C-alpha atoms as a PDB file:
ATOM      1  CA  UNK A   1     -66.691  25.328 -48.719  1.00  0.00           C
ATOM      2  CA  UNK A   2     -65.659  23.156 -45.272  1.00  0.00           C
ATOM      3  CA  UNK A   3     -66.217  19.901 -45.257  1.00  0.00           C
ATOM      4  CA  UNK A   4     -65.338  17.165 -42.291  1.00  0.00           C
ATOM      5  CA  UNK A   5     -62.144  14.697 -42.324  1.00  0.00           C
ATOM      6  CA  UNK A   6     -63.363  11.721 -41.767  1.00  0.00           C
ATOM      7  CA  UNK A   7     -59.874  10.741 -39.832  1.00  0.00           C
ATOM      8  CA  UNK A   8     -60.216  13.925 -37.389  1.00  0.00           C
ATOM      9  CA  UNK A   9     -62.740  14.397 -37.102  1.00  0.00           C
ATOM     10  CA  UNK A  10     -62.445  18.476 -37.495  1.00  0.00           C
ATOM     11  CA  UNK A  11     -63.566  20.502 -40.648  1.00  0.00           C
ATOM     12  CA  UNK A  12     -60.683  21.723 -43.553  1.00  0.00           C
ATOM     13  CA  UNK A  13     -61.516  23.450 -46.218  1.00  0.00           C
ATOM     14  CA  UNK A  14     -61.364  21.792 -50.203  1.00  0.00           C
ATOM     15  CA  UNK A  15     -59.291  23.333 -52.521  1.00  0.00           C
ATOM     16  CA  UNK A  16     -61.199  24.507 -55.551  1.00  0.00           C
ATOM     17  CA  UNK A  17     -58.327  25.744 -57.279  1.00  0.00           C
ATOM     18  CA  UNK A  18     -56.042  23.153 -56.788  1.00  0.00           C
ATOM     19  CA  UNK A  19     -54.057  22.241 -60.381  1.00  0.00           C
ATOM     20  CA  UNK A  20     -54.146  19.038 -60.408  1.00  0.00           C
ATOM     21  CA  UNK A  21     -58.696  19.008 -59.782  1.00  0.00           C
ATOM     22  CA  UNK A  22     -58.942  21.487 -62.685  1.00  0.00           C
ATOM     23  CA  UNK A  23     -56.642  19.888 -65.123  1.00  0.00           C
ATOM     24  CA  UNK A  24     -58.744  16.613 -64.262  1.00  0.00           C
ATOM     25  CA  UNK A  25     -62.034  18.573 -64.609  1.00  0.00           C
ATOM     26  CA  UNK A  26     -60.956  20.355 -68.075  1.00  0.00           C
ATOM     27  CA  UNK A  27     -59.783  16.920 -69.789  1.00  0.00           C
ATOM     28  CA  UNK A  28     -63.784  15.155 -69.076  1.00  0.00           C
ATOM     29  CA  UNK A  29     -64.871  18.624 -70.282  1.00  0.00           C
ATOM     30  CA  UNK A  30     -62.671  18.513 -73.496  1.00  0.00           C
ATOM     31  CA  UNK A  31     -63.696  14.745 -74.124  1.00  0.00           C
ATOM     32  CA  UNK A  32     -66.720  15.785 -73.277  1.00  0.00           C
ATOM     33  CA  UNK A  33     -67.225  17.995 -75.914  1.00  0.00           C
ATOM     34  CA  UNK A  34     -65.183  15.920 -78.548  1.00  0.00           C
ATOM     35  CA  UNK A  35     -67.956  13.592 -78.300  1.00  0.00           C
ATOM     36  CA  UNK A  36     -70.805  15.845 -78.432  1.00  0.00           C
ATOM     37  CA  UNK A  37     -68.979  17.483 -81.716  1.00  0.00           C
ATOM     38  CA  UNK A  38     -67.545  13.633 -83.161  1.00  0.00           C
ATOM     39  CA  UNK A  39     -71.503  13.204 -82.805  1.00  0.00           C
ATOM     40  CA  UNK A  40     -72.553  15.975 -84.983  1.00  0.00           C
ATOM     41  CA  UNK A  41     -70.518  14.508 -87.346  1.00  0.00           C
ATOM     42  CA  UNK A  42     -71.387  11.508 -87.352  1.00  0.00           C
ATOM     43  CA  UNK A  43     -75.289  11.614 -87.125  1.00  0.00           C
ATOM     44  CA  UNK A  44     -75.268  13.822 -90.391  1.00  0.00           C
ATOM     45  CA  UNK A  45     -73.293  10.953 -92.481  1.00  0.00           C
ATOM     46  CA  UNK A  46     -75.776   8.753 -90.515  1.00  0.00           C
ATOM     47  CA  UNK A  47     -79.511  10.297 -91.961  1.00  0.00           C
ATOM     48  CA  UNK A  48     -77.364  11.095 -94.883  1.00  0.00           C
ATOM     49  CA  UNK A  49     -76.820   7.779 -95.584  1.00  0.00           C
ATOM     50  CA  UNK A  50     -80.227   6.423 -94.910  1.00  0.00           C
ATOM     51  CA  UNK A  51     -82.293   8.967 -94.712  1.00  0.00           C
ATOM     52  CA  UNK A  52     -83.116   9.275 -90.756  1.00  0.00           C
ATOM     53  CA  UNK A  53     -85.532  12.137 -91.523  1.00  0.00           C
ATOM     54  CA  UNK A  54     -84.303  14.713 -89.270  1.00  0.00           C
ATOM     55  CA  UNK A  55     -82.251  16.987 -92.309  1.00  0.00           C
ATOM     56  CA  UNK A  56     -82.642  14.065 -94.812  1.00  0.00           C
ATOM     57  CA  UNK A  57     -85.895  12.369 -96.148  1.00  0.00           C
ATOM     58  CA  UNK A  58     -85.993   8.945 -96.600  1.00  0.00           C
ATOM     59  CA  UNK A  59     -86.352   8.983-100.161  1.00  0.00           C
ATOM     60  CA  UNK A  60     -83.426  11.506-100.678  1.00  0.00           C
ATOM     61  CA  UNK A  61     -80.946   9.423 -98.572  1.00  0.00           C
ATOM     62  CA  UNK A  62     -77.651   8.518-100.154  1.00  0.00           C
ATOM     63  CA  UNK A  63     -78.533   4.682-100.349  1.00  0.00           C
ATOM     64  CA  UNK A  64     -81.119   5.092-102.077  1.00  0.00           C
ATOM     65  CA  UNK A  65     -79.622   7.586-104.812  1.00  0.00           C
ATOM     66  CA  UNK A  66     -79.949  10.842-103.096  1.00  0.00           C
ATOM     67  CA  UNK A  67     -77.358  12.992-103.377  1.00  0.00           C
ATOM     68  CA  UNK A  68     -75.599  14.626-100.183  1.00  0.00           C
ATOM     69  CA  UNK A  69     -74.746  18.191-101.375  1.00  0.00           C
ATOM     70  CA  UNK A  70     -77.383  19.150-102.983  1.00  0.00           C
ATOM     71  CA  UNK A  71     -80.050  20.236-100.866  1.00  0.00           C
ATOM     72  CA  UNK A  72     -77.428  22.422 -98.838  1.00  0.00           C
ATOM     73  CA  UNK A  73     -75.549  23.527-101.747  1.00  0.00           C
ATOM     74  CA  UNK A  74     -78.090  24.378-103.913  1.00  0.00           C
ATOM     75  CA  UNK A  75     -81.192  26.576-101.739  1.00  0.00           C
ATOM     76  CA  UNK A  76     -78.728  27.830 -99.271  1.00  0.00           C
ATOM     77  CA  UNK A  77     -75.706  28.915-101.105  1.00  0.00           C
ATOM     78  CA  UNK A  78     -75.503  32.946-100.907  1.00  0.00           C
ATOM     79  CA  UNK A  79     -72.891  35.512-100.996  1.00  0.00           C
ATOM     80  CA  UNK A  80     -69.625  35.465-103.220  1.00  0.00           C
ATOM     81  CA  UNK A  81     -69.115  31.449-103.845  1.00  0.00           C
ATOM     82  CA  UNK A  82     -72.457  31.019-104.698  1.00  0.00           C
ATOM     83  CA  UNK A  83     -71.898  30.143-108.136  1.00  0.00           C
ATOM     84  CA  UNK A  84     -68.832  27.281-107.242  1.00  0.00           C
ATOM     85  CA  UNK A  85     -70.828  25.831-105.000  1.00  0.00           C
ATOM     86  CA  UNK A  86     -73.873  25.254-107.013  1.00  0.00           C
ATOM     87  CA  UNK A  87     -72.219  24.053-109.803  1.00  0.00           C
ATOM     88  CA  UNK A  88     -70.797  21.259-107.811  1.00  0.00           C
ATOM     89  CA  UNK A  89     -74.012  20.186-105.985  1.00  0.00           C
ATOM     90  CA  UNK A  90     -74.696  16.862-106.261  1.00  0.00           C
ATOM     91  CA  UNK A  91     -72.003  15.849-108.295  1.00  0.00           C
ATOM     92  CA  UNK A  92     -70.753  12.368-107.573  1.00  0.00           C
ATOM     93  CA  UNK A  93     -67.716  13.418-106.428  1.00  0.00           C
ATOM     94  CA  UNK A  94     -68.760  15.858-104.175  1.00  0.00           C
ATOM     95  CA  UNK A  95     -71.023  13.615-102.695  1.00  0.00           C
ATOM     96  CA  UNK A  96     -68.175  10.833-101.575  1.00  0.00           C
ATOM     97  CA  UNK A  97     -66.132  13.577-100.398  1.00  0.00           C
ATOM     98  CA  UNK A  98     -68.221  15.310 -97.968  1.00  0.00           C
ATOM     99  CA  UNK A  99     -69.529  11.989 -96.668  1.00  0.00           C
ATOM    100  CA  UNK A 100     -66.301  10.398 -96.209  1.00  0.00           C
ATOM    101  CA  UNK A 101     -65.220  13.526 -94.077  1.00  0.00           C
ATOM    102  CA  UNK A 102     -68.387  13.534 -92.665  1.00  0.00           C
ATOM    103  CA  UNK A 103     -67.723   9.851 -91.518  1.00  0.00           C
ATOM    104  CA  UNK A 104     -63.813   9.942 -90.881  1.00  0.00           C
ATOM    105  CA  UNK A 105     -63.669  12.804 -88.632  1.00  0.00           C
ATOM    106  CA  UNK A 106     -67.344  11.763 -86.592  1.00  0.00           C
ATOM    107  CA  UNK A 107     -65.525   8.254 -86.708  1.00  0.00           C
ATOM    108  CA  UNK A 108     -62.373  10.043 -85.428  1.00  0.00           C
ATOM    109  CA  UNK A 109     -63.416  12.210 -83.025  1.00  0.00           C
ATOM    110  CA  UNK A 110     -66.103   9.915 -81.294  1.00  0.00           C
ATOM    111  CA  UNK A 111     -62.896   7.045 -80.648  1.00  0.00           C
ATOM    112  CA  UNK A 112     -60.953   9.647 -79.500  1.00  0.00           C
ATOM    113  CA  UNK A 113     -57.954   8.912 -82.954  1.00  0.00           C
ATOM    114  CA  UNK A 114     -56.509  10.256 -85.914  1.00  0.00           C
ATOM    115  CA  UNK A 115     -57.413  13.651 -84.103  1.00  0.00           C
ATOM    116  CA  UNK A 116     -54.622  16.366 -85.652  1.00  0.00           C
ATOM    117  CA  UNK A 117     -55.836  14.719 -89.435  1.00  0.00           C
ATOM    118  CA  UNK A 118     -59.415  15.082 -88.314  1.00  0.00           C
ATOM    119  CA  UNK A 119     -58.901  18.646 -87.369  1.00  0.00           C
ATOM    120  CA  UNK A 120     -57.427  19.599 -90.257  1.00  0.00           C
ATOM    121  CA  UNK A 121     -60.445  18.079 -92.055  1.00  0.00           C
ATOM    122  CA  UNK A 122     -62.615  19.108 -89.976  1.00  0.00           C
ATOM    123  CA  UNK A 123     -61.679  22.670 -90.450  1.00  0.00           C
ATOM    124  CA  UNK A 124     -61.353  22.749 -94.166  1.00  0.00           C
ATOM    125  CA  UNK A 125     -64.795  21.586 -94.187  1.00  0.00           C
ATOM    126  CA  UNK A 126     -66.658  23.861 -91.719  1.00  0.00           C
ATOM    127  CA  UNK A 127     -64.484  26.916 -93.362  1.00  0.00           C
ATOM    128  CA  UNK A 128     -66.702  25.271 -96.154  1.00  0.00           C
ATOM    129  CA  UNK A 129     -70.180  25.183 -95.418  1.00  0.00           C
ATOM    130  CA  UNK A 130     -69.457  28.563 -93.684  1.00  0.00           C
ATOM    131  CA  UNK A 131     -68.279  30.046 -96.955  1.00  0.00           C
ATOM    132  CA  UNK A 132     -71.580  28.129 -98.084  1.00  0.00           C
ATOM    133  CA  UNK A 133     -74.045  30.623 -96.811  1.00  0.00           C
ATOM    134  CA  UNK A 134     -71.600  34.420 -96.534  1.00  0.00           C
ATOM    135  CA  UNK A 135     -72.638  36.418 -94.701  1.00  0.00           C
ATOM    136  CA  UNK A 136     -74.506  34.305 -91.379  1.00  0.00           C
ATOM    137  CA  UNK A 137     -77.939  34.917 -90.970  1.00  0.00           C
ATOM    138  CA  UNK A 138     -77.059  35.518 -87.652  1.00  0.00           C
ATOM    139  CA  UNK A 139     -73.786  37.447 -86.759  1.00  0.00           C
ATOM    140  CA  UNK A 140     -71.973  39.439 -90.235  1.00  0.00           C
ATOM    141  CA  UNK A 141     -69.132  37.285 -89.712  1.00  0.00           C
ATOM    142  CA  UNK A 142     -69.212  34.279 -87.100  1.00  0.00           C
ATOM    143  CA  UNK A 143     -71.482  31.125 -87.569  1.00  0.00           C
ATOM    144  CA  UNK A 144     -71.463  28.006 -85.813  1.00  0.00           C
ATOM    145  CA  UNK A 145     -69.744  26.610 -88.349  1.00  0.00           C
ATOM    146  CA  UNK A 146     -66.552  28.545 -87.115  1.00  0.00           C
ATOM    147  CA  UNK A 147     -67.124  27.839 -83.834  1.00  0.00           C
ATOM    148  CA  UNK A 148     -66.314  24.294 -84.251  1.00  0.00           C
ATOM    149  CA  UNK A 149     -63.990  24.895 -86.487  1.00  0.00           C
ATOM    150  CA  UNK A 150     -62.080  26.427 -83.780  1.00  0.00           C
ATOM    151  CA  UNK A 151     -63.098  23.196 -80.866  1.00  0.00           C
ATOM    152  CA  UNK A 152     -61.987  20.840 -83.391  1.00  0.00           C
ATOM    153  CA  UNK A 153     -58.680  22.438 -83.401  1.00  0.00           C
ATOM    154  CA  UNK A 154     -58.809  23.232 -79.555  1.00  0.00           C
ATOM    155  CA  UNK A 155     -59.391  18.875 -79.478  1.00  0.00           C
ATOM    156  CA  UNK A 156     -56.539  18.319 -81.228  1.00  0.00           C
ATOM    157  CA  UNK A 157     -54.192  20.562 -79.199  1.00  0.00           C
ATOM    158  CA  UNK A 158     -54.889  19.318 -75.463  1.00  0.00           C
ATOM    159  CA  UNK A 159     -55.039  15.651 -76.468  1.00  0.00           C
ATOM    160  CA  UNK A 160     -58.719  15.487 -75.829  1.00  0.00           C
ATOM    161  CA  UNK A 161     -58.790  11.741 -77.131  1.00  0.00           C
ATOM    162  CA  UNK A 162     -57.079  10.847 -74.477  1.00  0.00           C
ATOM    163  CA  UNK A 163     -59.659  10.698 -72.631  1.00  0.00           C
ATOM    164  CA  UNK A 164     -63.060   8.668 -72.939  1.00  0.00           C
ATOM    165  CA  UNK A 165     -60.912   7.116 -76.083  1.00  0.00           C
ATOM    166  CA  UNK A 166     -59.039   5.651 -77.365  1.00  0.00           C
ATOM    167  CA  UNK A 167     -55.871   8.482 -77.954  1.00  0.00           C
ATOM    168  CA  UNK A 168     -53.454   6.786 -75.864  1.00  0.00           C
ATOM    169  CA  UNK A 169     -53.477   3.818 -76.960  1.00  0.00           C
ATOM    170  CA  UNK A 170     -52.918   4.753 -80.276  1.00  0.00           C
ATOM    171  CA  UNK A 171     -50.433   7.651 -79.895  1.00  0.00           C
ATOM    172  CA  UNK A 172     -48.608   4.215 -78.798  1.00  0.00           C
ATOM    173  CA  UNK A 173     -49.190   2.078 -81.986  1.00  0.00           C
ATOM    174  CA  UNK A 174     -46.338   1.685 -84.336  1.00  0.00           C
ATOM    175  CA  UNK A 175     -47.822   3.328 -87.136  1.00  0.00           C
ATOM    176  CA  UNK A 176     -48.296   6.517 -85.263  1.00  0.00           C
ATOM    177  CA  UNK A 177     -44.678   6.357 -83.709  1.00  0.00           C
ATOM    178  CA  UNK A 178     -43.596   5.873 -87.385  1.00  0.00           C
ATOM    179  CA  UNK A 179     -45.658   8.645 -88.441  1.00  0.00           C
ATOM    180  CA  UNK A 180     -47.136  11.040 -85.526  1.00  0.00           C
ATOM    181  CA  UNK A 181     -49.624  13.044 -87.840  1.00  0.00           C
ATOM    182  CA  UNK A 182     -51.641  10.533 -87.390  1.00  0.00           C
ATOM    183  CA  UNK A 183     -51.976  10.844 -83.567  1.00  0.00           C
END
């Protein structure tokens, strides 16, 4: 696309395949994906904690004695793991692990810190959620849980926490220097 160069007043061509521009654009796309996915996790945590009325009615909120794992595991479970998921639906330890996972993964993704731990925990949680609904409704194998699991790994691999996040600062802390898995 021709653009006028202000120094020479002559038309010049903008190189849309410039690797530096592509890398910058990709960093922002990955950072935006990180923020969106972080919001998916953190919103689920807030909704189940306070019963904001989207997925969880107010009277079923965790702060009102509800069980965050009960509905999904009791009413959505199908396939080969149905019995297992029914047996842990509403268990206190399952509720705590689920809520800590949602909050921790969501906060890590939103802040851009602890991306490696968030990716590992996110994959475990998402694959378990995928296994609850086997086979998925819309496809014989793949559903959004597996897509999210792949994306969360990609976010950690490309260092998506460094753009629009605290990942750069976090990676320079003494704690992360000593334990790089926390990056």
